[in-house]
Amino acid sequence: MVSMDSGFLPLGNPCAQCGKPIAAPEWIESGPRRTAYLWHCWACDYRFEAVAFFDDAQQDNEALAA
């Protein structure tokens, strides 16, 4: 699990089901060239995962997709 003070932490992501904002991911897992975020909406109890993939050539780990 990545620490919560990593270089980039998405905040206020909308729920994929009801659209209400979620303050922060419930779980973060980092791997080679990717970071996965587990989101849990407390309003409708929906859970979903978003994955960001990073390009090897980019030094600042800018996300290519989420």
PDB file of N, CA and C in Angstrom:
ATOM      1  N   MET A   1       0.842  -1.178   0.000  1.00  0.00           N
ATOM      2  CA  MET A   1       0.000   0.000   0.000  1.00  0.00           C
ATOM      3  C   MET A   1       0.885   1.239   0.000  1.00  0.00           C
ATOM      4  N   VAL A   2       0.504   2.216  -0.782  1.00  0.00           N
ATOM      5  CA  VAL A   2       1.241   3.472  -0.868  1.00  0.00           C
ATOM      6  C   VAL A   2       0.852   4.348   0.304  1.00  0.00           C
ATOM      7  N   SER A   3       1.821   5.094   0.835  1.00  0.00           N
ATOM      8  CA  SER A   3       1.497   6.009   1.921  1.00  0.00           C
ATOM      9  C   SER A   3       0.606   7.129   1.391  1.00  0.00           C
ATOM     10  N   MET A   4      -0.187   7.700   2.271  1.00  0.00           N
ATOM     11  CA  MET A   4      -1.132   8.729   1.866  1.00  0.00           C
ATOM     12  C   MET A   4      -0.442  10.024   1.471  1.00  0.00           C
ATOM     13  N   ASP A   5       0.854  10.180   1.714  1.00  0.00           N
ATOM     14  CA  ASP A   5       1.564  11.387   1.308  1.00  0.00           C
ATOM     15  C   ASP A   5       2.389  11.144   0.048  1.00  0.00           C
ATOM     16  N   SER A   6       1.934  10.218  -0.811  1.00  0.00           N
ATOM     17  CA  SER A   6       2.626   9.963  -2.065  1.00  0.00           C
ATOM     18  C   SER A   6       2.541  11.205  -2.949  1.00  0.00           C
ATOM     19  N   GLY A   7       3.294  11.214  -4.041  1.00  0.00           N
ATOM     20  CA  GLY A   7       3.377  12.378  -4.900  1.00  0.00           C
ATOM     21  C   GLY A   7       2.036  12.891  -5.395  1.00  0.00           C
ATOM     22  N   PHE A   8       1.089  12.011  -5.668  1.00  0.00           N
ATOM     23  CA  PHE A   8      -0.221  12.416  -6.170  1.00  0.00           C
ATOM     24  C   PHE A   8      -1.292  11.557  -5.510  1.00  0.00           C
ATOM     25  N   LEU A   9      -2.257  12.202  -4.926  1.00  0.00           N
ATOM     26  CA  LEU A   9      -3.372  11.491  -4.311  1.00  0.00           C
ATOM     27  C   LEU A   9      -4.670  12.101  -4.825  1.00  0.00           C
ATOM     28  N   PRO A  10      -5.462  11.325  -5.588  1.00  0.00           N
ATOM     29  CA  PRO A  10      -6.714  11.871  -6.088  1.00  0.00           C
ATOM     30  C   PRO A  10      -7.703  12.087  -4.943  1.00  0.00           C
ATOM     31  N   LEU A  11      -8.332  13.228  -4.929  1.00  0.00           N
ATOM     32  CA  LEU A  11      -9.313  13.570  -3.889  1.00  0.00           C
ATOM     33  C   LEU A  11     -10.607  14.020  -4.543  1.00  0.00           C
ATOM     34  N   GLY A  12     -11.725  13.758  -3.891  1.00  0.00           N
ATOM     35  CA  GLY A  12     -13.020  14.210  -4.391  1.00  0.00           C
ATOM     36  C   GLY A  12     -13.474  13.498  -5.652  1.00  0.00           C
ATOM     37  N   ASN A  13     -13.036  12.261  -5.865  1.00  0.00           N
ATOM     38  CA  ASN A  13     -13.452  11.493  -7.028  1.00  0.00           C
ATOM     39  C   ASN A  13     -14.952  11.197  -6.932  1.00  0.00           C
ATOM     40  N   PRO A  14     -15.719  11.383  -8.008  1.00  0.00           N
ATOM     41  CA  PRO A  14     -17.152  11.078  -7.929  1.00  0.00           C
ATOM     42  C   PRO A  14     -17.405   9.571  -7.946  1.00  0.00           C
ATOM     43  N   CYS A  15     -18.451   9.166  -7.240  1.00  0.00           N
ATOM     44  CA  CYS A  15     -18.856   7.757  -7.226  1.00  0.00           C
ATOM     45  C   CYS A  15     -19.284   7.353  -8.634  1.00  0.00           C
ATOM     46  N   ALA A  16     -18.876   6.162  -9.064  1.00  0.00           N
ATOM     47  CA  ALA A  16     -19.212   5.660 -10.392  1.00  0.00           C
ATOM     48  C   ALA A  16     -20.691   5.280 -10.498  1.00  0.00           C
ATOM     49  N   GLN A  17     -21.386   5.150  -9.375  1.00  0.00           N
ATOM     50  CA  GLN A  17     -22.793   4.764  -9.411  1.00  0.00           C
ATOM     51  C   GLN A  17     -23.725   5.945  -9.136  1.00  0.00           C
ATOM     52  N   CYS A  18     -23.501   6.680  -8.045  1.00  0.00           N
ATOM     53  CA  CYS A  18     -24.444   7.751  -7.673  1.00  0.00           C
ATOM     54  C   CYS A  18     -23.912   9.158  -7.946  1.00  0.00           C
ATOM     55  N   GLY A  19     -22.596   9.294  -8.199  1.00  0.00           N
ATOM     56  CA  GLY A  19     -22.022  10.577  -8.545  1.00  0.00           C
ATOM     57  C   GLY A  19     -21.605  11.455  -7.369  1.00  0.00           C
ATOM     58  N   LYS A  20     -21.875  11.035  -6.145  1.00  0.00           N
ATOM     59  CA  LYS A  20     -21.467  11.838  -4.986  1.00  0.00           C
ATOM     60  C   LYS A  20     -19.945  11.783  -4.844  1.00  0.00           C
ATOM     61  N   PRO A  21     -19.325  12.897  -4.430  1.00  0.00           N
ATOM     62  CA  PRO A  21     -17.862  12.893  -4.296  1.00  0.00           C
ATOM     63  C   PRO A  21     -17.394  12.000  -3.139  1.00  0.00           C
ATOM     64  N   ILE A  22     -16.273  11.310  -3.362  1.00  0.00           N
ATOM     65  CA  ILE A  22     -15.643  10.482  -2.337  1.00  0.00           C
ATOM     66  C   ILE A  22     -14.357  11.198  -1.939  1.00  0.00           C
ATOM     67  N   ALA A  23     -14.187  11.449  -0.663  1.00  0.00           N
ATOM     68  CA  ALA A  23     -13.085  12.288  -0.179  1.00  0.00           C
ATOM     69  C   ALA A  23     -11.711  11.757  -0.561  1.00  0.00           C
ATOM     70  N   ALA A  24     -11.473  10.469  -0.377  1.00  0.00           N
ATOM     71  CA  ALA A  24     -10.154   9.880  -0.648  1.00  0.00           C
ATOM     72  C   ALA A  24     -10.318   8.389  -0.901  1.00  0.00           C
ATOM     73  N   PRO A  25      -9.384   7.768  -1.616  1.00  0.00           N
ATOM     74  CA  PRO A  25      -9.480   6.327  -1.834  1.00  0.00           C
ATOM     75  C   PRO A  25      -9.348   5.555  -0.528  1.00  0.00           C
ATOM     76  N   GLU A  26     -10.023   4.412  -0.479  1.00  0.00           N
ATOM     77  CA  GLU A  26      -9.963   3.558   0.708  1.00  0.00           C
ATOM     78  C   GLU A  26      -8.674   2.749   0.744  1.00  0.00           C
ATOM     79  N   TRP A  27      -8.136   2.415  -0.421  1.00  0.00           N
ATOM     80  CA  TRP A  27      -6.934   1.601  -0.515  1.00  0.00           C
ATOM     81  C   TRP A  27      -6.148   2.062  -1.733  1.00  0.00           C
ATOM     82  N   ILE A  28      -4.827   2.087  -1.616  1.00  0.00           N
ATOM     83  CA  ILE A  28      -3.948   2.436  -2.731  1.00  0.00           C
ATOM     84  C   ILE A  28      -2.892   1.352  -2.839  1.00  0.00           C
ATOM     85  N   GLU A  29      -2.710   0.842  -4.048  1.00  0.00           N
ATOM     86  CA  GLU A  29      -1.700  -0.195  -4.272  1.00  0.00           C
ATOM     87  C   GLU A  29      -0.852   0.207  -5.468  1.00  0.00           C
ATOM     88  N   SER A  30       0.451   0.249  -5.259  1.00  0.00           N
ATOM     89  CA  SER A  30       1.366   0.668  -6.307  1.00  0.00           C
ATOM     90  C   SER A  30       2.109  -0.535  -6.854  1.00  0.00           C
ATOM     91  N   GLY A  31       2.294  -0.538  -8.162  1.00  0.00           N
ATOM     92  CA  GLY A  31       3.049  -1.587  -8.823  1.00  0.00           C
ATOM     93  C   GLY A  31       3.955  -0.955  -9.859  1.00  0.00           C
ATOM     94  N   PRO A  32       4.653  -1.779 -10.618  1.00  0.00           N
ATOM     95  CA  PRO A  32       5.517  -1.210 -11.646  1.00  0.00           C
ATOM     96  C   PRO A  32       4.687  -0.492 -12.714  1.00  0.00           C
ATOM     97  N   ARG A  33       4.920   0.798 -12.870  1.00  0.00           N
ATOM     98  CA  ARG A  33       4.277   1.640 -13.881  1.00  0.00           C
ATOM     99  C   ARG A  33       2.771   1.776 -13.717  1.00  0.00           C
ATOM    100  N   ARG A  34       2.228   1.493 -12.526  1.00  0.00           N
ATOM    101  CA  ARG A  34       0.786   1.655 -12.314  1.00  0.00           C
ATOM    102  C   ARG A  34       0.477   1.877 -10.840  1.00  0.00           C
ATOM    103  N   THR A  35      -0.644   2.522 -10.575  1.00  0.00           N
ATOM    104  CA  THR A  35      -1.157   2.676  -9.221  1.00  0.00           C
ATOM    105  C   THR A  35      -2.651   2.405  -9.269  1.00  0.00           C
ATOM    106  N   ALA A  36      -3.138   1.543  -8.384  1.00  0.00           N
ATOM    107  CA  ALA A  36      -4.554   1.205  -8.324  1.00  0.00           C
ATOM    108  C   ALA A  36      -5.176   1.855  -7.087  1.00  0.00           C
ATOM    109  N   TYR A  37      -6.374   2.399  -7.264  1.00  0.00           N
ATOM    110  CA  TYR A  37      -7.105   3.058  -6.183  1.00  0.00           C
ATOM    111  C   TYR A  37      -8.437   2.345  -5.985  1.00  0.00           C
ATOM    112  N   LEU A  38      -8.733   1.951  -4.744  1.00  0.00           N
ATOM    113  CA  LEU A  38     -10.030   1.359  -4.414  1.00  0.00           C
ATOM    114  C   LEU A  38     -10.877   2.447  -3.769  1.00  0.00           C
ATOM    115  N   TRP A  39     -12.022   2.707  -4.364  1.00  0.00           N
ATOM    116  CA  TRP A  39     -12.936   3.739  -3.875  1.00  0.00           C
ATOM    117  C   TRP A  39     -14.156   3.089  -3.248  1.00  0.00           C
ATOM    118  N   HIS A  40     -14.667   3.663  -2.169  1.00  0.00           N
ATOM    119  CA  HIS A  40     -15.864   3.170  -1.490  1.00  0.00           C
ATOM    120  C   HIS A  40     -16.776   4.362  -1.228  1.00  0.00           C
ATOM    121  N   CYS A  41     -17.954   4.330  -1.805  1.00  0.00           N
ATOM    122  CA  CYS A  41     -18.931   5.399  -1.604  1.00  0.00           C
ATOM    123  C   CYS A  41     -19.792   5.043  -0.398  1.00  0.00           C
ATOM    124  N   TRP A  42     -19.726   5.876   0.633  1.00  0.00           N
ATOM    125  CA  TRP A  42     -20.512   5.625   1.829  1.00  0.00           C
ATOM    126  C   TRP A  42     -21.972   6.024   1.638  1.00  0.00           C
ATOM    127  N   ALA A  43     -22.282   6.810   0.617  1.00  0.00           N
ATOM    128  CA  ALA A  43     -23.663   7.223   0.358  1.00  0.00           C
ATOM    129  C   ALA A  43     -24.496   6.067  -0.195  1.00  0.00           C
ATOM    130  N   CYS A  44     -23.920   5.291  -1.137  1.00  0.00           N
ATOM    131  CA  CYS A  44     -24.690   4.198  -1.756  1.00  0.00           C
ATOM    132  C   CYS A  44     -24.032   2.834  -1.567  1.00  0.00           C
ATOM    133  N   ASP A  45     -22.898   2.774  -0.856  1.00  0.00           N
ATOM    134  CA  ASP A  45     -22.167   1.544  -0.544  1.00  0.00           C
ATOM    135  C   ASP A  45     -21.588   0.849  -1.786  1.00  0.00           C
ATOM    136  N   TYR A  46     -21.344   1.615  -2.847  1.00  0.00           N
ATOM    137  CA  TYR A  46     -20.750   1.070  -4.066  1.00  0.00           C
ATOM    138  C   TYR A  46     -19.229   1.124  -3.947  1.00  0.00           C
ATOM    139  N   ARG A  47     -18.542   0.097  -4.444  1.00  0.00           N
ATOM    140  CA  ARG A  47     -17.084   0.051  -4.448  1.00  0.00           C
ATOM    141  C   ARG A  47     -16.603  -0.153  -5.880  1.00  0.00           C
ATOM    142  N   PHE A  48     -15.531   0.555  -6.231  1.00  0.00           N
ATOM    143  CA  PHE A  48     -14.967   0.394  -7.567  1.00  0.00           C
ATOM    144  C   PHE A  48     -13.477   0.704  -7.525  1.00  0.00           C
ATOM    145  N   GLU A  49     -12.765   0.241  -8.557  1.00  0.00           N
ATOM    146  CA  GLU A  49     -11.323   0.437  -8.635  1.00  0.00           C
ATOM    147  C   GLU A  49     -11.000   1.288  -9.856  1.00  0.00           C
ATOM    148  N   ALA A  50     -10.034   2.165  -9.703  1.00  0.00           N
ATOM    149  CA  ALA A  50      -9.498   2.957 -10.814  1.00  0.00           C
ATOM    150  C   ALA A  50      -7.999   2.718 -10.843  1.00  0.00           C
ATOM    151  N   VAL A  51      -7.454   2.577 -12.048  1.00  0.00           N
ATOM    152  CA  VAL A  51      -6.026   2.305 -12.187  1.00  0.00           C
ATOM    153  C   VAL A  51      -5.392   3.391 -13.048  1.00  0.00           C
ATOM    154  N   ALA A  52      -4.274   3.932 -12.593  1.00  0.00           N
ATOM    155  CA  ALA A  52      -3.494   4.909 -13.357  1.00  0.00           C
ATOM    156  C   ALA A  52      -2.244   4.210 -13.865  1.00  0.00           C
ATOM    157  N   PHE A  53      -1.974   4.341 -15.167  1.00  0.00           N
ATOM    158  CA  PHE A  53      -0.792   3.750 -15.780  1.00  0.00           C
ATOM    159  C   PHE A  53       0.206   4.853 -16.103  1.00  0.00           C
ATOM    160  N   PHE A  54       1.494   4.577 -15.880  1.00  0.00           N
ATOM    161  CA  PHE A  54       2.539   5.562 -16.086  1.00  0.00           C
ATOM    162  C   PHE A  54       3.499   5.104 -17.175  1.00  0.00           C
ATOM    163  N   ASP A  55       4.005   6.062 -17.947  1.00  0.00           N
ATOM    164  CA  ASP A  55       4.964   5.811 -19.008  1.00  0.00           C
ATOM    165  C   ASP A  55       6.373   5.778 -18.420  1.00  0.00           C
ATOM    166  N   ASP A  56       7.185   4.816 -18.831  1.00  0.00           N
ATOM    167  CA  ASP A  56       8.565   4.712 -18.343  1.00  0.00           C
ATOM    168  C   ASP A  56       9.384   5.956 -18.656  1.00  0.00           C
ATOM    169  N   ALA A  57       9.140   6.578 -19.778  1.00  0.00           N
ATOM    170  CA  ALA A  57       9.941   7.721 -20.220  1.00  0.00           C
ATOM    171  C   ALA A  57       9.677   8.978 -19.402  1.00  0.00           C
ATOM    172  N   GLN A  58       8.564   9.048 -18.727  1.00  0.00           N
ATOM    173  CA  GLN A  58       8.225  10.240 -17.961  1.00  0.00           C
ATOM    174  C   GLN A  58       8.827  10.156 -16.563  1.00  0.00           C
ATOM    175  N   GLN A  59       9.618  11.125 -16.201  1.00  0.00           N
ATOM    176  CA  GLN A  59      10.317  11.116 -14.919  1.00  0.00           C
ATOM    177  C   GLN A  59       9.437  11.536 -13.764  1.00  0.00           C
ATOM    178  N   ASP A  60       8.407  12.341 -14.008  1.00  0.00           N
ATOM    179  CA  ASP A  60       7.597  12.878 -12.920  1.00  0.00           C
ATOM    180  C   ASP A  60       6.345  12.032 -12.636  1.00  0.00           C
ATOM    181  N   ASN A  61       6.240  10.827 -13.235  1.00  0.00           N
ATOM    182  CA  ASN A  61       5.117   9.907 -13.011  1.00  0.00           C
ATOM    183  C   ASN A  61       3.765  10.526 -13.312  1.00  0.00           C
ATOM    184  N   GLU A  62       3.662  11.300 -14.373  1.00  0.00           N
ATOM    185  CA  GLU A  62       2.394  11.882 -14.786  1.00  0.00           C
ATOM    186  C   GLU A  62       1.478  10.765 -15.301  1.00  0.00           C
ATOM    187  N   ALA A  63       0.237  10.749 -14.862  1.00  0.00           N
ATOM    188  CA  ALA A  63      -0.699   9.696 -15.249  1.00  0.00           C
ATOM    189  C   ALA A  63      -1.060   9.795 -16.720  1.00  0.00           C
ATOM    190  N   LEU A  64      -1.109   8.637 -17.399  1.00  0.00           N
ATOM    191  CA  LEU A  64      -1.543   8.584 -18.781  1.00  0.00           C
ATOM    192  C   LEU A  64      -3.027   8.270 -18.885  1.00  0.00           C
ATOM    193  N   ALA A  65      -3.531   7.452 -17.959  1.00  0.00           N
ATOM    194  CA  ALA A  65      -4.941   7.061 -17.984  1.00  0.00           C
ATOM    195  C   ALA A  65      -5.373   6.702 -16.580  1.00  0.00           C
ATOM    196  N   ALA A  66      -6.669   6.801 -16.355  1.00  0.00           N
ATOM    197  CA  ALA A  66      -7.197   6.412 -15.048  1.00  0.00           C
ATOM    198  C   ALA A  66      -8.496   5.682 -15.224  1.00  0.00           C
TER     199      ALA A  66
END
